Each structure stands twice: as structure tokens, then as C-alpha cells.
Amino acid sequence: MRGVIRLVAWCLAIALVVLPVVGVLRGWFAADRWPVTRLTVQAEFRHVKAEQIRDVVRPRLGRGFFALDLDAVQKAVAALPWVESVEASKRWPDTLLLRIYERQPFARWNDKQLISRQGQVFDVPASELDASLPSLHGPDDRLAEVVSFYADTRKAFGGTHLQITGVSLTERGSWSLATADGAQIVLGDREQAARRLRRFLDVYPQVVAGHATGFAYADLRYTNGFAVRWPPAAGIANETGAPRT
């Protein structure tokens, strides 16, 4: 009895291997017999366009249901600018299923790319660089450091009306900040930046007291203070080069 069961099992195993080969040779799985005629996409479509997806998927559908290469489809769709990841599967007898996850932009990088919330830099057309996103600048190999510094400074300014909208790091290692009001704050090197920023924020309420408008520029690189310049429209003399505490 065991011998019969073993023989049947071997026959089934051989059939599972042979039948697909025979099917391909005889055209049972040919594209014209089992074509993929339906595309179902699950996505939010905030940036990725349905036309883009159809354009990259259509050339890969001609080989039929069984010959459809899901890896090739996933790679083609994942290459679209706003696609973070994609899952591809098939549903018998004629459907290709795609689940697409879009990148969530966090900030602009050097005014030519975007940074996703996963920390990945990606390219988009210039017309899609959202000007309302924070603007971060710096060497490409110091991206993580710039993002971290931006998060730290936003937290430091949390108790003020100032909103940090940009961070810049020069090749020489000098840091500066930009505010939503258009002001620039120069901090200098990273080692001294935190201490200088605390010193500035400690007296910030007194600095802006009596001024109807915000400052235009603040240089915090002085040993015992900082210099503040006010917009000409403020009607007071600009302070340049003279430390203020």
C-alpha cells in the first residue's frame, strides 16, 4: 500500500514539473489564450498619475497571464518619480493588481530635489518642487546632519513666534537659518552653534521689544553677544558689526 501511495506521489510531482513545460511548448499558456486585460491600481494619486502607470505597464502585458514578469512590472513602476514602493500581483484569469505607495515629501534639498519622510532624496520635475516645504542646503554626504540640525532648531524656537523654514550648511561647515519672515540667522560652526543659539533666545524677547517689525539678519558668531540688523522700513539705524546683548 505504501508503495502505491509513493508511486502516485512521484507521478503527481513529475506531472507538476512536466505539464507547465508541455503547456508552454504547445501554446496552452500563450498570450492570446490568457491575455491580461485588466489593470487594478490602489493608490492615493496625489502626485503619481494614472497615465504614467499605464504607460510603463502596458508594454509588459503582451506575454499573457502566466508569462507576466511581476518583478519587471514592479521595477518599472517604482522608477516613477513619486513612487516610494509598489506591490504587484496577479488575479486569475486576466487581472494585474498594483498597490502603490507615494513618497511623502518632507523638505526641498538644494532647491533641485526633495527629501521624503523616510529620508530618501528623489528627483521630480522643477514644476513640482513645492515652495511651501522647508528649504535645506548642504553637501550631499551631510544630508542626515542637516535634517537633524533642522529638527533641533525648530524645537529650540518652539517658544517664540519665529518659524524656521530653512537650514544651510556651507562647504566650510558654517550653519545658518532662515525664518518664515525672511530673516537670516548666522550661527557659524556646529560646535558653537547650540550655545550661541541659546544665548540669542534667552534675550530674544528684549531684543524685539519695541520693534513693530521683525529683524532681517542676526549674526551670532560674536564671542560675547550678537549683531542684529533691522529692515530699513523699521525706521531705525541698522546695526552691523556691533555686538548686541
C-alpha atoms as a PDB file:
ATOM      1  CA  MET A   1       0.000   0.000   0.000  1.00  0.00           C
ATOM      2  CA  ARG A   2       2.792   2.379   0.897  1.00  0.00           C
ATOM      3  CA  GLY A   3       4.475   1.591  -2.419  1.00  0.00           C
ATOM      4  CA  VAL A   4       1.341   2.558  -4.333  1.00  0.00           C
ATOM      5  CA  ILE A   5       0.997   5.842  -2.420  1.00  0.00           C
ATOM      6  CA  ARG A   6       4.660   6.622  -3.046  1.00  0.00           C
ATOM      7  CA  LEU A   7       4.259   5.876  -6.765  1.00  0.00           C
ATOM      8  CA  VAL A   8       1.201   8.134  -7.013  1.00  0.00           C
ATOM      9  CA  ALA A   9       3.075  10.930  -5.212  1.00  0.00           C
ATOM     10  CA  TRP A  10       6.001  10.647  -7.619  1.00  0.00           C
ATOM     11  CA  CYS A  11       3.657  10.736 -10.609  1.00  0.00           C
ATOM     12  CA  LEU A  12       1.974  13.882  -9.314  1.00  0.00           C
ATOM     13  CA  ALA A  13       5.323  15.544  -8.691  1.00  0.00           C
ATOM     14  CA  ILE A  14       6.526  14.724 -12.200  1.00  0.00           C
ATOM     15  CA  ALA A  15       3.236  15.978 -13.670  1.00  0.00           C
ATOM     16  CA  LEU A  16       3.587  19.314 -11.853  1.00  0.00           C
ATOM     17  CA  VAL A  17       7.025  19.755 -13.416  1.00  0.00           C
ATOM     18  CA  VAL A  18       6.235  18.462 -16.895  1.00  0.00           C
ATOM     19  CA  LEU A  19       2.797  19.957 -17.526  1.00  0.00           C
ATOM     20  CA  PRO A  20       3.904  23.621 -17.429  1.00  0.00           C
ATOM     21  CA  VAL A  21       6.735  22.822 -19.865  1.00  0.00           C
ATOM     22  CA  VAL A  22       4.378  20.978 -22.182  1.00  0.00           C
ATOM     23  CA  GLY A  23       1.874  23.788 -21.825  1.00  0.00           C
ATOM     24  CA  VAL A  24       4.404  26.367 -22.930  1.00  0.00           C
ATOM     25  CA  LEU A  25       5.584  24.232 -25.852  1.00  0.00           C
ATOM     26  CA  ARG A  26       2.053  23.571 -27.069  1.00  0.00           C
ATOM     27  CA  GLY A  27       0.904  27.130 -26.562  1.00  0.00           C
ATOM     28  CA  TRP A  28      -1.547  26.433 -23.728  1.00  0.00           C
ATOM     29  CA  PHE A  29      -0.224  29.460 -21.824  1.00  0.00           C
ATOM     30  CA  ALA A  30       0.217  31.696 -24.853  1.00  0.00           C
ATOM     31  CA  ALA A  31      -0.605  35.392 -24.580  1.00  0.00           C
ATOM     32  CA  ASP A  32      -3.513  35.122 -26.984  1.00  0.00           C
ATOM     33  CA  ARG A  33      -5.060  32.373 -24.850  1.00  0.00           C
ATOM     34  CA  TRP A  34      -4.746  34.060 -21.425  1.00  0.00           C
ATOM     35  CA  PRO A  35      -4.147  37.778 -22.048  1.00  0.00           C
ATOM     36  CA  VAL A  36      -4.012  40.270 -19.167  1.00  0.00           C
ATOM     37  CA  THR A  37      -6.822  42.679 -19.976  1.00  0.00           C
ATOM     38  CA  ARG A  38      -7.448  44.430 -16.663  1.00  0.00           C
ATOM     39  CA  LEU A  39      -5.252  46.674 -14.513  1.00  0.00           C
ATOM     40  CA  THR A  40      -6.374  47.448 -10.968  1.00  0.00           C
ATOM     41  CA  VAL A  41      -4.410  50.121  -9.065  1.00  0.00           C
ATOM     42  CA  GLN A  42      -4.698  51.047  -5.409  1.00  0.00           C
ATOM     43  CA  ALA A  43      -3.068  54.426  -4.768  1.00  0.00           C
ATOM     44  CA  GLU A  44      -3.894  57.888  -3.463  1.00  0.00           C
ATOM     45  CA  PHE A  45      -2.819  59.589  -6.704  1.00  0.00           C
ATOM     46  CA  ARG A  46      -1.685  62.862  -5.144  1.00  0.00           C
ATOM     47  CA  HIS A  47       1.354  63.042  -7.402  1.00  0.00           C
ATOM     48  CA  VAL A  48       1.537  59.786  -9.357  1.00  0.00           C
ATOM     49  CA  LYS A  49      -0.721  59.936 -12.411  1.00  0.00           C
ATOM     50  CA  ALA A  50      -2.755  57.019 -13.726  1.00  0.00           C
ATOM     51  CA  GLU A  51      -1.480  57.750 -17.239  1.00  0.00           C
ATOM     52  CA  GLN A  52       2.117  57.311 -16.094  1.00  0.00           C
ATOM     53  CA  ILE A  53       1.343  53.921 -14.613  1.00  0.00           C
ATOM     54  CA  ARG A  54      -0.468  52.703 -17.725  1.00  0.00           C
ATOM     55  CA  ASP A  55       2.379  53.883 -19.949  1.00  0.00           C
ATOM     56  CA  VAL A  56       5.042  51.864 -18.090  1.00  0.00           C
ATOM     57  CA  VAL A  57       2.869  48.781 -17.514  1.00  0.00           C
ATOM     58  CA  ARG A  58       1.259  48.377 -20.946  1.00  0.00           C
ATOM     59  CA  PRO A  59       4.443  47.199 -22.792  1.00  0.00           C
ATOM     60  CA  ARG A  60       4.840  44.372 -20.259  1.00  0.00           C
ATOM     61  CA  LEU A  61       1.374  42.878 -20.608  1.00  0.00           C
ATOM     62  CA  GLY A  62       1.736  41.285 -24.038  1.00  0.00           C
ATOM     63  CA  ARG A  63       3.151  37.940 -22.846  1.00  0.00           C
ATOM     64  CA  GLY A  64      -0.032  36.782 -21.152  1.00  0.00           C
ATOM     65  CA  PHE A  65      -1.082  35.922 -17.616  1.00  0.00           C
ATOM     66  CA  PHE A  66       1.406  33.140 -16.888  1.00  0.00           C
ATOM     67  CA  ALA A  67       4.410  34.799 -18.518  1.00  0.00           C
ATOM     68  CA  LEU A  68       3.825  38.224 -16.937  1.00  0.00           C
ATOM     69  CA  ASP A  69       7.004  39.208 -15.058  1.00  0.00           C
ATOM     70  CA  LEU A  70       5.861  40.829 -11.809  1.00  0.00           C
ATOM     71  CA  ASP A  71       9.399  41.859 -10.827  1.00  0.00           C
ATOM     72  CA  ALA A  72       9.806  43.759 -14.088  1.00  0.00           C
ATOM     73  CA  VAL A  73       6.465  45.473 -13.558  1.00  0.00           C
ATOM     74  CA  GLN A  74       7.393  46.493 -10.011  1.00  0.00           C
ATOM     75  CA  LYS A  75      10.753  47.904 -11.096  1.00  0.00           C
ATOM     76  CA  ALA A  76       9.173  49.867 -13.930  1.00  0.00           C
ATOM     77  CA  VAL A  77       6.534  51.453 -11.696  1.00  0.00           C
ATOM     78  CA  ALA A  78       8.996  52.053  -8.838  1.00  0.00           C
ATOM     79  CA  ALA A  79      11.147  54.103 -11.240  1.00  0.00           C
ATOM     80  CA  LEU A  80       8.438  56.784 -11.473  1.00  0.00           C
ATOM     81  CA  PRO A  81       9.463  59.954  -9.583  1.00  0.00           C
ATOM     82  CA  TRP A  82       6.878  59.938  -6.780  1.00  0.00           C
ATOM     83  CA  VAL A  83       6.684  56.184  -6.130  1.00  0.00           C
ATOM     84  CA  GLU A  84       8.057  55.057  -2.766  1.00  0.00           C
ATOM     85  CA  SER A  85       7.233  51.366  -3.216  1.00  0.00           C
ATOM     86  CA  VAL A  86       4.920  49.120  -5.226  1.00  0.00           C
ATOM     87  CA  GLU A  87       3.415  45.678  -4.757  1.00  0.00           C
ATOM     88  CA  ALA A  88       2.362  43.690  -7.841  1.00  0.00           C
ATOM     89  CA  SER A  89       0.262  40.556  -8.004  1.00  0.00           C
ATOM     90  CA  LYS A  90      -1.976  38.669 -10.429  1.00  0.00           C
ATOM     91  CA  ARG A  91      -5.606  37.666 -10.138  1.00  0.00           C
ATOM     92  CA  TRP A  92      -6.899  34.851 -12.278  1.00  0.00           C
ATOM     93  CA  PRO A  93      -7.739  34.910 -15.094  1.00  0.00           C
ATOM     94  CA  ASP A  94      -6.862  38.342 -16.555  1.00  0.00           C
ATOM     95  CA  THR A  95      -6.018  40.971 -13.911  1.00  0.00           C
ATOM     96  CA  LEU A  96      -2.828  42.683 -12.792  1.00  0.00           C
ATOM     97  CA  LEU A  97      -3.060  44.255  -9.312  1.00  0.00           C
ATOM     98  CA  LEU A  98      -0.820  47.138  -8.232  1.00  0.00           C
ATOM     99  CA  ARG A  99      -0.678  48.736  -4.803  1.00  0.00           C
ATOM    100  CA  ILE A 100       1.381  51.915  -4.950  1.00  0.00           C
ATOM    101  CA  TYR A 101       2.715  53.943  -2.041  1.00  0.00           C
ATOM    102  CA  GLU A 102       3.688  57.531  -2.829  1.00  0.00           C
ATOM    103  CA  ARG A 103       6.625  59.356  -1.365  1.00  0.00           C
ATOM    104  CA  GLN A 104       5.695  61.890   1.309  1.00  0.00           C
ATOM    105  CA  PRO A 105       7.882  64.984   0.795  1.00  0.00           C
ATOM    106  CA  PHE A 106       9.474  66.426   3.907  1.00  0.00           C
ATOM    107  CA  ALA A 107      11.656  69.227   2.543  1.00  0.00           C
ATOM    108  CA  ARG A 108      13.459  70.548  -0.511  1.00  0.00           C
ATOM    109  CA  TRP A 109      17.139  69.702  -0.912  1.00  0.00           C
ATOM    110  CA  ASN A 110      19.466  72.252  -2.530  1.00  0.00           C
ATOM    111  CA  ASP A 111      16.482  73.676  -4.465  1.00  0.00           C
ATOM    112  CA  LYS A 112      16.577  70.834  -7.000  1.00  0.00           C
ATOM    113  CA  GLN A 113      15.426  67.666  -5.200  1.00  0.00           C
ATOM    114  CA  LEU A 114      13.025  66.573  -2.479  1.00  0.00           C
ATOM    115  CA  ILE A 115      13.570  64.627   0.726  1.00  0.00           C
ATOM    116  CA  SER A 116      10.952  62.042   1.670  1.00  0.00           C
ATOM    117  CA  ARG A 117       9.830  61.402   5.241  1.00  0.00           C
ATOM    118  CA  GLN A 118      11.899  58.209   5.050  1.00  0.00           C
ATOM    119  CA  GLY A 119      14.992  60.352   4.478  1.00  0.00           C
ATOM    120  CA  GLN A 120      15.424  59.486   0.804  1.00  0.00           C
ATOM    121  CA  VAL A 121      16.378  62.145  -1.741  1.00  0.00           C
ATOM    122  CA  PHE A 122      14.486  61.903  -5.021  1.00  0.00           C
ATOM    123  CA  ASP A 123      14.118  63.859  -8.252  1.00  0.00           C
ATOM    124  CA  VAL A 124      10.926  65.461  -9.506  1.00  0.00           C
ATOM    125  CA  PRO A 125      10.224  67.948 -12.303  1.00  0.00           C
ATOM    126  CA  ALA A 126      11.125  71.515 -11.349  1.00  0.00           C
ATOM    127  CA  SER A 127       7.457  72.482 -11.507  1.00  0.00           C
ATOM    128  CA  GLU A 128       6.721  70.025  -8.677  1.00  0.00           C
ATOM    129  CA  LEU A 129       9.241  71.446  -6.186  1.00  0.00           C
ATOM    130  CA  ASP A 130       6.756  72.675  -3.580  1.00  0.00           C
ATOM    131  CA  ALA A 131       7.895  76.129  -2.431  1.00  0.00           C
ATOM    132  CA  SER A 132       5.976  75.750   0.841  1.00  0.00           C
ATOM    133  CA  LEU A 133       8.294  72.950   2.018  1.00  0.00           C
ATOM    134  CA  PRO A 134      11.328  73.737   4.208  1.00  0.00           C
ATOM    135  CA  SER A 135      14.460  74.521   2.211  1.00  0.00           C
ATOM    136  CA  LEU A 136      17.563  72.603   3.286  1.00  0.00           C
ATOM    137  CA  HIS A 137      21.008  73.159   1.777  1.00  0.00           C
ATOM    138  CA  GLY A 138      24.300  71.394   2.237  1.00  0.00           C
ATOM    139  CA  PRO A 139      26.787  68.850   0.859  1.00  0.00           C
ATOM    140  CA  ASP A 140      25.068  65.639  -0.235  1.00  0.00           C
ATOM    141  CA  ASP A 141      27.123  63.483   2.127  1.00  0.00           C
ATOM    142  CA  ARG A 142      25.886  65.522   5.131  1.00  0.00           C
ATOM    143  CA  LEU A 143      22.175  65.274   4.399  1.00  0.00           C
ATOM    144  CA  ALA A 144      21.353  63.432   7.640  1.00  0.00           C
ATOM    145  CA  GLU A 145      23.233  66.023   9.689  1.00  0.00           C
ATOM    146  CA  VAL A 146      21.367  68.906   8.042  1.00  0.00           C
ATOM    147  CA  VAL A 147      17.988  67.250   8.628  1.00  0.00           C
ATOM    148  CA  SER A 148      18.880  66.600  12.273  1.00  0.00           C
ATOM    149  CA  PHE A 149      20.021  70.194  12.769  1.00  0.00           C
ATOM    150  CA  TYR A 150      16.784  71.465  11.230  1.00  0.00           C
ATOM    151  CA  ALA A 151      14.728  69.381  13.673  1.00  0.00           C
ATOM    152  CA  ASP A 152      16.793  70.609  16.632  1.00  0.00           C
ATOM    153  CA  THR A 153      16.481  74.276  15.724  1.00  0.00           C
ATOM    154  CA  ARG A 154      12.735  74.032  15.122  1.00  0.00           C
ATOM    155  CA  LYS A 155      12.395  72.637  18.630  1.00  0.00           C
ATOM    156  CA  ALA A 156      14.624  75.366  20.068  1.00  0.00           C
ATOM    157  CA  PHE A 157      12.438  78.094  18.510  1.00  0.00           C
ATOM    158  CA  GLY A 158       9.235  76.433  19.680  1.00  0.00           C
ATOM    159  CA  GLY A 159       8.648  79.050  22.387  1.00  0.00           C
ATOM    160  CA  THR A 160       8.937  82.022  20.025  1.00  0.00           C
ATOM    161  CA  HIS A 161       6.850  83.358  17.158  1.00  0.00           C
ATOM    162  CA  LEU A 162       9.714  82.620  14.776  1.00  0.00           C
ATOM    163  CA  GLN A 163       9.246  79.693  12.402  1.00  0.00           C
ATOM    164  CA  ILE A 164      12.376  78.095  10.976  1.00  0.00           C
ATOM    165  CA  THR A 165      11.842  77.313   7.300  1.00  0.00           C
ATOM    166  CA  GLY A 166      15.383  76.684   6.134  1.00  0.00           C
ATOM    167  CA  VAL A 167      18.830  75.454   7.133  1.00  0.00           C
ATOM    168  CA  SER A 168      22.064  75.937   5.203  1.00  0.00           C
ATOM    169  CA  LEU A 169      25.437  74.321   5.728  1.00  0.00           C
ATOM    170  CA  THR A 170      28.374  75.599   3.678  1.00  0.00           C
ATOM    171  CA  GLU A 171      31.277  73.509   2.466  1.00  0.00           C
ATOM    172  CA  ARG A 172      33.387  75.141   5.195  1.00  0.00           C
ATOM    173  CA  GLY A 173      30.985  73.987   7.905  1.00  0.00           C
ATOM    174  CA  SER A 174      29.144  77.227   8.691  1.00  0.00           C
ATOM    175  CA  TRP A 175      25.466  76.976   9.641  1.00  0.00           C
ATOM    176  CA  SER A 176      22.700  79.488   9.046  1.00  0.00           C
ATOM    177  CA  LEU A 177      18.926  79.520   9.453  1.00  0.00           C
ATOM    178  CA  ALA A 178      16.071  81.135   7.541  1.00  0.00           C
ATOM    179  CA  THR A 179      12.733  82.116   9.055  1.00  0.00           C
ATOM    180  CA  ALA A 180       9.249  82.354   7.600  1.00  0.00           C
ATOM    181  CA  ASP A 181       9.555  86.161   7.819  1.00  0.00           C
ATOM    182  CA  GLY A 182      12.590  86.112   5.534  1.00  0.00           C
ATOM    183  CA  ALA A 183      15.185  86.719   8.250  1.00  0.00           C
ATOM    184  CA  GLN A 184      18.599  85.065   8.228  1.00  0.00           C
ATOM    185  CA  ILE A 185      20.396  83.868  11.358  1.00  0.00           C
ATOM    186  CA  VAL A 186      24.094  83.019  11.025  1.00  0.00           C
ATOM    187  CA  LEU A 187      25.406  80.573  13.636  1.00  0.00           C
ATOM    188  CA  GLY A 188      28.857  79.584  12.416  1.00  0.00           C
ATOM    189  CA  ASP A 189      30.423  76.207  13.213  1.00  0.00           C
ATOM    190  CA  ARG A 190      28.386  73.352  14.718  1.00  0.00           C
ATOM    191  CA  GLU A 191      30.441  73.126  17.923  1.00  0.00           C
ATOM    192  CA  GLN A 192      29.420  76.651  18.952  1.00  0.00           C
ATOM    193  CA  ALA A 193      26.013  76.802  17.278  1.00  0.00           C
ATOM    194  CA  ALA A 194      23.918  75.384  20.138  1.00  0.00           C
ATOM    195  CA  ARG A 195      25.466  77.678  22.766  1.00  0.00           C
ATOM    196  CA  ARG A 196      25.127  80.739  20.541  1.00  0.00           C
ATOM    197  CA  LEU A 197      21.519  79.930  19.781  1.00  0.00           C
ATOM    198  CA  ARG A 198      20.629  79.550  23.474  1.00  0.00           C
ATOM    199  CA  ARG A 199      22.270  82.886  24.223  1.00  0.00           C
ATOM    200  CA  PHE A 200      20.268  84.572  21.474  1.00  0.00           C
ATOM    201  CA  LEU A 201      16.956  83.011  22.507  1.00  0.00           C
ATOM    202  CA  ASP A 202      17.488  83.904  26.189  1.00  0.00           C
ATOM    203  CA  VAL A 203      17.350  87.614  25.379  1.00  0.00           C
ATOM    204  CA  TYR A 204      15.219  87.473  22.236  1.00  0.00           C
ATOM    205  CA  PRO A 205      12.092  88.966  23.904  1.00  0.00           C
ATOM    206  CA  GLN A 206      14.114  92.008  24.992  1.00  0.00           C
ATOM    207  CA  VAL A 207      15.738  92.322  21.568  1.00  0.00           C
ATOM    208  CA  VAL A 208      12.424  92.565  19.709  1.00  0.00           C
ATOM    209  CA  ALA A 209      10.637  94.625  22.357  1.00  0.00           C
ATOM    210  CA  GLY A 210       9.545  97.957  20.924  1.00  0.00           C
ATOM    211  CA  HIS A 211      10.042  96.928  17.306  1.00  0.00           C
ATOM    212  CA  ALA A 212       6.978  96.790  15.102  1.00  0.00           C
ATOM    213  CA  THR A 213       8.686  94.533  12.591  1.00  0.00           C
ATOM    214  CA  GLY A 214      10.984  91.557  12.909  1.00  0.00           C
ATOM    215  CA  PHE A 215      14.720  91.648  12.338  1.00  0.00           C
ATOM    216  CA  ALA A 216      16.200  90.988   8.912  1.00  0.00           C
ATOM    217  CA  TYR A 217      19.544  89.492   9.893  1.00  0.00           C
ATOM    218  CA  ALA A 218      21.234  88.218  13.049  1.00  0.00           C
ATOM    219  CA  ASP A 219      24.896  87.267  13.332  1.00  0.00           C
ATOM    220  CA  LEU A 220      25.519  85.124  16.407  1.00  0.00           C
ATOM    221  CA  ARG A 221      29.210  84.498  15.795  1.00  0.00           C
ATOM    222  CA  TYR A 222      30.451  87.078  18.311  1.00  0.00           C
ATOM    223  CA  THR A 223      32.258  85.937  21.439  1.00  0.00           C
ATOM    224  CA  ASN A 224      30.130  87.860  23.947  1.00  0.00           C
ATOM    225  CA  GLY A 225      26.998  88.768  22.031  1.00  0.00           C
ATOM    226  CA  PHE A 226      25.487  89.107  18.588  1.00  0.00           C
ATOM    227  CA  ALA A 227      24.603  91.690  15.974  1.00  0.00           C
ATOM    228  CA  VAL A 228      21.099  92.356  14.702  1.00  0.00           C
ATOM    229  CA  ARG A 229      20.091  94.251  11.579  1.00  0.00           C
ATOM    230  CA  TRP A 230      16.585  95.584  11.144  1.00  0.00           C
ATOM    231  CA  PRO A 231      14.799  96.264   7.868  1.00  0.00           C
ATOM    232  CA  PRO A 232      15.154  99.843   6.595  1.00  0.00           C
ATOM    233  CA  ALA A 233      11.392 100.219   6.816  1.00  0.00           C
ATOM    234  CA  ALA A 234      11.657  99.880  10.582  1.00  0.00           C
ATOM    235  CA  GLY A 235      12.818 103.472  10.733  1.00  0.00           C
ATOM    236  CA  ILE A 236      15.859 102.869  12.928  1.00  0.00           C
ATOM    237  CA  ALA A 237      19.555 102.698  12.244  1.00  0.00           C
ATOM    238  CA  ASN A 238      20.833  99.333  11.096  1.00  0.00           C
ATOM    239  CA  GLU A 239      23.225  97.646  13.494  1.00  0.00           C
ATOM    240  CA  THR A 240      26.061  95.980  11.621  1.00  0.00           C
ATOM    241  CA  GLY A 241      29.232  94.689  13.230  1.00  0.00           C
ATOM    242  CA  ALA A 242      28.389  95.942  16.724  1.00  0.00           C
ATOM    243  CA  PRO A 243      27.716  93.151  19.200  1.00  0.00           C
ATOM    244  CA  ARG A 244      24.389  93.366  20.946  1.00  0.00           C
ATOM    245  CA  THR A 245      23.497  91.554  24.153  1.00  0.00           C
END
